């Protein structure tokens, strides 16, 4: 089982993922690219968001979807995370 650290900078993409147990980034959105401060993304839609591929979910696997907000001011970076959804036996 993978352990996610909200402050980790070394997040991997789907294609650089070492094993099925490791987490990966599925999307990266800049605030300026989100229309009207609202946007829907279908998890696993096989599209690219930023430089990250939103890979299809594998049947029979459990997933924990984490939303991470990153802000930067005066070269100081801060992260805030929330468990967005848990998918069992997709």
N, C-alpha and C. Protein backbone atom coordinates (compact mmCIF):
# COMPACT_ATOMS: atom_id res chain seq x y z
N UNK A 1 0.84 -1.18 0.00
CA UNK A 1 0.00 0.00 0.00
C UNK A 1 0.89 1.24 0.00
N UNK A 2 0.51 2.21 -0.80
CA UNK A 2 1.29 3.44 -0.94
C UNK A 2 0.90 4.45 0.14
N UNK A 3 1.87 5.22 0.58
CA UNK A 3 1.61 6.29 1.53
C UNK A 3 1.86 7.61 0.82
N UNK A 4 0.89 8.50 0.87
CA UNK A 4 0.99 9.78 0.18
C UNK A 4 1.34 10.87 1.18
N UNK A 5 2.31 11.67 0.84
CA UNK A 5 2.67 12.82 1.65
C UNK A 5 2.24 14.07 0.89
N UNK A 6 1.42 14.87 1.51
CA UNK A 6 0.92 16.08 0.86
C UNK A 6 2.06 17.02 0.47
N UNK A 7 3.12 17.03 1.23
CA UNK A 7 4.23 17.95 0.97
C UNK A 7 5.26 17.41 -0.02
N UNK A 8 5.04 16.21 -0.52
CA UNK A 8 6.04 15.62 -1.41
C UNK A 8 6.07 16.36 -2.74
N UNK A 9 7.26 16.71 -3.17
CA UNK A 9 7.44 17.36 -4.47
C UNK A 9 7.70 16.33 -5.55
N UNK A 10 8.12 15.15 -5.15
CA UNK A 10 8.51 14.13 -6.12
C UNK A 10 7.35 13.28 -6.61
N UNK A 11 6.25 13.88 -6.97
CA UNK A 11 5.11 13.12 -7.45
C UNK A 11 5.38 12.61 -8.85
N UNK A 12 4.94 11.40 -9.12
CA UNK A 12 5.23 10.78 -10.40
C UNK A 12 4.01 10.79 -11.31
N UNK A 13 4.29 10.70 -12.59
CA UNK A 13 3.23 10.57 -13.57
C UNK A 13 2.86 9.10 -13.69
N UNK A 14 1.77 8.81 -14.37
CA UNK A 14 1.33 7.43 -14.56
C UNK A 14 2.42 6.59 -15.22
N UNK A 15 3.09 7.15 -16.22
CA UNK A 15 4.08 6.39 -16.97
C UNK A 15 5.40 6.21 -16.24
N UNK A 16 5.68 7.03 -15.23
CA UNK A 16 6.91 6.85 -14.45
C UNK A 16 6.64 6.10 -13.15
N UNK A 17 5.41 5.65 -12.97
CA UNK A 17 4.98 4.93 -11.79
C UNK A 17 5.73 3.60 -11.67
N UNK A 18 6.33 3.33 -10.52
CA UNK A 18 7.15 2.14 -10.33
C UNK A 18 6.34 0.85 -10.22
N UNK A 19 5.15 0.90 -9.61
CA UNK A 19 4.34 -0.30 -9.46
C UNK A 19 2.88 0.10 -9.29
N UNK A 20 1.99 -0.90 -9.35
CA UNK A 20 0.56 -0.63 -9.18
C UNK A 20 0.24 -0.06 -7.80
N UNK A 21 1.10 -0.32 -6.81
CA UNK A 21 0.83 0.14 -5.45
C UNK A 21 1.19 1.61 -5.26
N UNK A 22 2.00 2.15 -6.16
CA UNK A 22 2.41 3.55 -6.03
C UNK A 22 1.33 4.48 -6.56
N UNK A 23 1.27 5.66 -5.98
CA UNK A 23 0.35 6.67 -6.47
C UNK A 23 0.95 7.44 -7.62
N UNK A 24 0.11 8.16 -8.31
CA UNK A 24 0.59 9.00 -9.41
C UNK A 24 -0.33 10.20 -9.56
N UNK A 25 0.19 11.23 -10.19
CA UNK A 25 -0.60 12.43 -10.47
C UNK A 25 -1.37 12.19 -11.76
N UNK A 26 -2.68 12.44 -11.74
CA UNK A 26 -3.52 12.23 -12.92
C UNK A 26 -3.85 13.54 -13.64
N UNK A 27 -3.70 14.67 -12.95
CA UNK A 27 -4.04 15.95 -13.58
C UNK A 27 -3.38 17.09 -12.82
N UNK A 28 -3.07 18.13 -13.57
CA UNK A 28 -2.58 19.37 -12.96
C UNK A 28 -3.26 20.52 -13.68
N UNK A 29 -3.93 21.35 -12.90
CA UNK A 29 -4.66 22.49 -13.46
C UNK A 29 -4.17 23.77 -12.81
N UNK A 30 -3.97 24.78 -13.61
CA UNK A 30 -3.65 26.10 -13.07
C UNK A 30 -4.95 26.85 -12.84
N UNK A 31 -5.01 27.63 -11.78
CA UNK A 31 -6.23 28.37 -11.45
C UNK A 31 -6.71 29.21 -12.62
N UNK A 32 -5.80 29.80 -13.35
CA UNK A 32 -6.18 30.67 -14.47
C UNK A 32 -6.84 29.89 -15.62
N UNK A 33 -6.65 28.57 -15.64
CA UNK A 33 -7.23 27.74 -16.70
C UNK A 33 -8.57 27.12 -16.33
N UNK A 34 -9.04 27.38 -15.11
CA UNK A 34 -10.32 26.83 -14.66
C UNK A 34 -11.40 27.87 -14.91
N UNK A 35 -12.30 27.62 -15.87
CA UNK A 35 -13.33 28.61 -16.20
C UNK A 35 -14.34 28.78 -15.07
N UNK A 36 -14.63 30.01 -14.74
CA UNK A 36 -15.66 30.34 -13.73
C UNK A 36 -15.45 29.63 -12.40
N UNK A 37 -14.20 29.33 -12.06
CA UNK A 37 -13.86 28.67 -10.80
C UNK A 37 -14.56 27.33 -10.62
N UNK A 38 -14.95 26.69 -11.71
CA UNK A 38 -15.59 25.37 -11.62
C UNK A 38 -15.17 24.54 -12.83
N UNK A 39 -14.91 23.27 -12.58
CA UNK A 39 -14.50 22.39 -13.67
C UNK A 39 -14.78 20.95 -13.27
N UNK A 40 -15.25 20.16 -14.21
CA UNK A 40 -15.47 18.74 -13.95
C UNK A 40 -14.43 17.93 -14.71
N UNK A 41 -13.87 16.94 -14.02
CA UNK A 41 -12.94 16.01 -14.65
C UNK A 41 -13.42 14.61 -14.32
N UNK A 42 -13.53 13.78 -15.32
CA UNK A 42 -13.88 12.39 -15.12
C UNK A 42 -12.59 11.62 -14.85
N UNK A 43 -12.49 11.03 -13.67
CA UNK A 43 -11.28 10.28 -13.32
C UNK A 43 -11.14 9.10 -14.28
N UNK A 44 -9.97 8.99 -14.89
CA UNK A 44 -9.70 7.88 -15.81
C UNK A 44 -10.15 8.12 -17.24
N UNK A 45 -10.29 9.39 -17.65
CA UNK A 45 -10.83 9.69 -18.98
C UNK A 45 -9.81 9.62 -20.12
N UNK A 46 -8.58 9.21 -19.82
CA UNK A 46 -7.52 9.02 -20.82
C UNK A 46 -7.08 10.33 -21.49
N UNK A 47 -7.30 11.45 -20.86
CA UNK A 47 -6.86 12.74 -21.39
C UNK A 47 -5.66 13.25 -20.62
N UNK A 48 -4.98 14.21 -21.18
CA UNK A 48 -3.86 14.87 -20.50
C UNK A 48 -4.36 16.17 -19.88
N UNK A 49 -3.96 16.40 -18.64
CA UNK A 49 -4.24 17.66 -17.94
C UNK A 49 -2.89 18.19 -17.50
N UNK A 50 -2.46 19.29 -18.11
CA UNK A 50 -1.09 19.73 -17.91
C UNK A 50 -0.20 18.69 -18.56
N UNK A 51 0.82 18.25 -17.86
CA UNK A 51 1.72 17.23 -18.42
C UNK A 51 1.37 15.83 -17.92
N UNK A 52 0.24 15.68 -17.24
CA UNK A 52 -0.10 14.40 -16.62
C UNK A 52 -1.23 13.69 -17.36
N UNK A 53 -1.08 12.36 -17.50
CA UNK A 53 -2.07 11.51 -18.15
C UNK A 53 -3.05 10.98 -17.11
N UNK A 54 -4.33 11.16 -17.37
CA UNK A 54 -5.40 10.70 -16.49
C UNK A 54 -5.77 9.27 -16.93
N UNK A 55 -5.01 8.31 -16.44
CA UNK A 55 -5.11 6.91 -16.89
C UNK A 55 -6.43 6.28 -16.47
N UNK A 56 -6.93 5.34 -17.30
CA UNK A 56 -8.16 4.63 -16.92
C UNK A 56 -7.93 3.81 -15.65
N UNK A 57 -8.96 3.69 -14.84
CA UNK A 57 -8.87 2.88 -13.63
C UNK A 57 -8.94 1.40 -14.01
N UNK A 58 -8.22 0.58 -13.27
CA UNK A 58 -8.22 -0.86 -13.53
C UNK A 58 -9.30 -1.52 -12.69
N UNK A 59 -10.08 -2.39 -13.32
CA UNK A 59 -11.13 -3.13 -12.60
C UNK A 59 -10.52 -3.95 -11.47
N UNK A 60 -11.22 -3.98 -10.34
CA UNK A 60 -10.78 -4.78 -9.21
C UNK A 60 -9.81 -4.07 -8.28
N UNK A 61 -9.36 -2.88 -8.65
CA UNK A 61 -8.44 -2.12 -7.79
C UNK A 61 -9.19 -1.12 -6.93
N UNK A 62 -8.60 -0.79 -5.80
CA UNK A 62 -9.11 0.26 -4.93
C UNK A 62 -8.30 1.53 -5.18
N UNK A 63 -8.96 2.68 -5.14
CA UNK A 63 -8.29 3.95 -5.38
C UNK A 63 -8.67 4.96 -4.32
N UNK A 64 -7.75 5.82 -4.00
CA UNK A 64 -7.99 6.96 -3.12
C UNK A 64 -7.66 8.20 -3.94
N UNK A 65 -8.66 9.02 -4.21
CA UNK A 65 -8.47 10.24 -5.01
C UNK A 65 -8.20 11.38 -4.05
N UNK A 66 -7.04 12.01 -4.21
CA UNK A 66 -6.63 13.09 -3.32
C UNK A 66 -6.54 14.38 -4.12
N UNK A 67 -7.15 15.42 -3.60
CA UNK A 67 -7.07 16.75 -4.20
C UNK A 67 -5.98 17.51 -3.47
N UNK A 68 -5.00 17.99 -4.21
CA UNK A 68 -3.92 18.77 -3.59
C UNK A 68 -3.90 20.15 -4.23
N UNK A 69 -4.00 21.16 -3.39
CA UNK A 69 -3.92 22.56 -3.82
C UNK A 69 -2.52 23.05 -3.49
N UNK A 70 -1.85 23.64 -4.46
CA UNK A 70 -0.52 24.19 -4.24
C UNK A 70 -0.56 25.68 -4.52
N UNK A 71 -0.02 26.44 -3.61
CA UNK A 71 0.07 27.89 -3.82
C UNK A 71 1.51 28.33 -3.61
N UNK A 72 1.87 29.40 -4.26
CA UNK A 72 3.22 29.92 -4.12
C UNK A 72 3.15 31.44 -4.03
N UNK A 73 3.85 31.97 -3.03
CA UNK A 73 3.91 33.41 -2.83
C UNK A 73 5.31 33.75 -2.34
N UNK A 74 5.95 34.69 -2.98
CA UNK A 74 7.32 35.08 -2.62
C UNK A 74 8.25 33.87 -2.55
N UNK A 75 8.12 32.98 -3.53
CA UNK A 75 8.94 31.77 -3.65
C UNK A 75 8.76 30.77 -2.51
N UNK A 76 7.70 30.93 -1.73
CA UNK A 76 7.37 29.97 -0.67
C UNK A 76 6.18 29.15 -1.16
N UNK A 77 6.35 27.83 -1.20
CA UNK A 77 5.32 26.93 -1.69
C UNK A 77 4.60 26.26 -0.53
N UNK A 78 3.29 26.21 -0.61
CA UNK A 78 2.47 25.54 0.42
C UNK A 78 1.50 24.59 -0.26
N UNK A 79 1.22 23.48 0.43
CA UNK A 79 0.30 22.48 -0.10
C UNK A 79 -0.80 22.22 0.93
N UNK A 80 -1.96 21.92 0.40
CA UNK A 80 -3.08 21.53 1.24
C UNK A 80 -3.76 20.35 0.55
N UNK A 81 -4.07 19.30 1.29
CA UNK A 81 -4.64 18.09 0.69
C UNK A 81 -5.95 17.68 1.36
N UNK A 82 -6.79 17.03 0.57
CA UNK A 82 -8.03 16.46 1.09
C UNK A 82 -8.33 15.18 0.33
N UNK A 83 -8.81 14.17 1.04
CA UNK A 83 -9.27 12.96 0.36
C UNK A 83 -10.58 13.33 -0.33
N UNK A 84 -10.58 13.23 -1.64
CA UNK A 84 -11.73 13.65 -2.44
C UNK A 84 -12.73 12.51 -2.60
N UNK A 85 -12.20 11.29 -2.79
CA UNK A 85 -13.08 10.13 -2.96
C UNK A 85 -12.28 8.86 -2.74
N UNK A 86 -12.97 7.82 -2.31
CA UNK A 86 -12.37 6.50 -2.23
C UNK A 86 -13.21 5.56 -3.08
N UNK A 87 -12.54 4.87 -3.99
CA UNK A 87 -13.22 3.97 -4.91
C UNK A 87 -12.78 2.55 -4.56
N UNK A 88 -13.73 1.72 -4.21
CA UNK A 88 -13.44 0.32 -3.85
C UNK A 88 -13.83 -0.59 -5.00
N UNK A 89 -12.91 -1.49 -5.35
CA UNK A 89 -13.17 -2.52 -6.35
C UNK A 89 -13.81 -1.94 -7.60
N UNK A 90 -13.10 -0.97 -8.19
CA UNK A 90 -13.64 -0.29 -9.37
C UNK A 90 -13.87 -1.30 -10.48
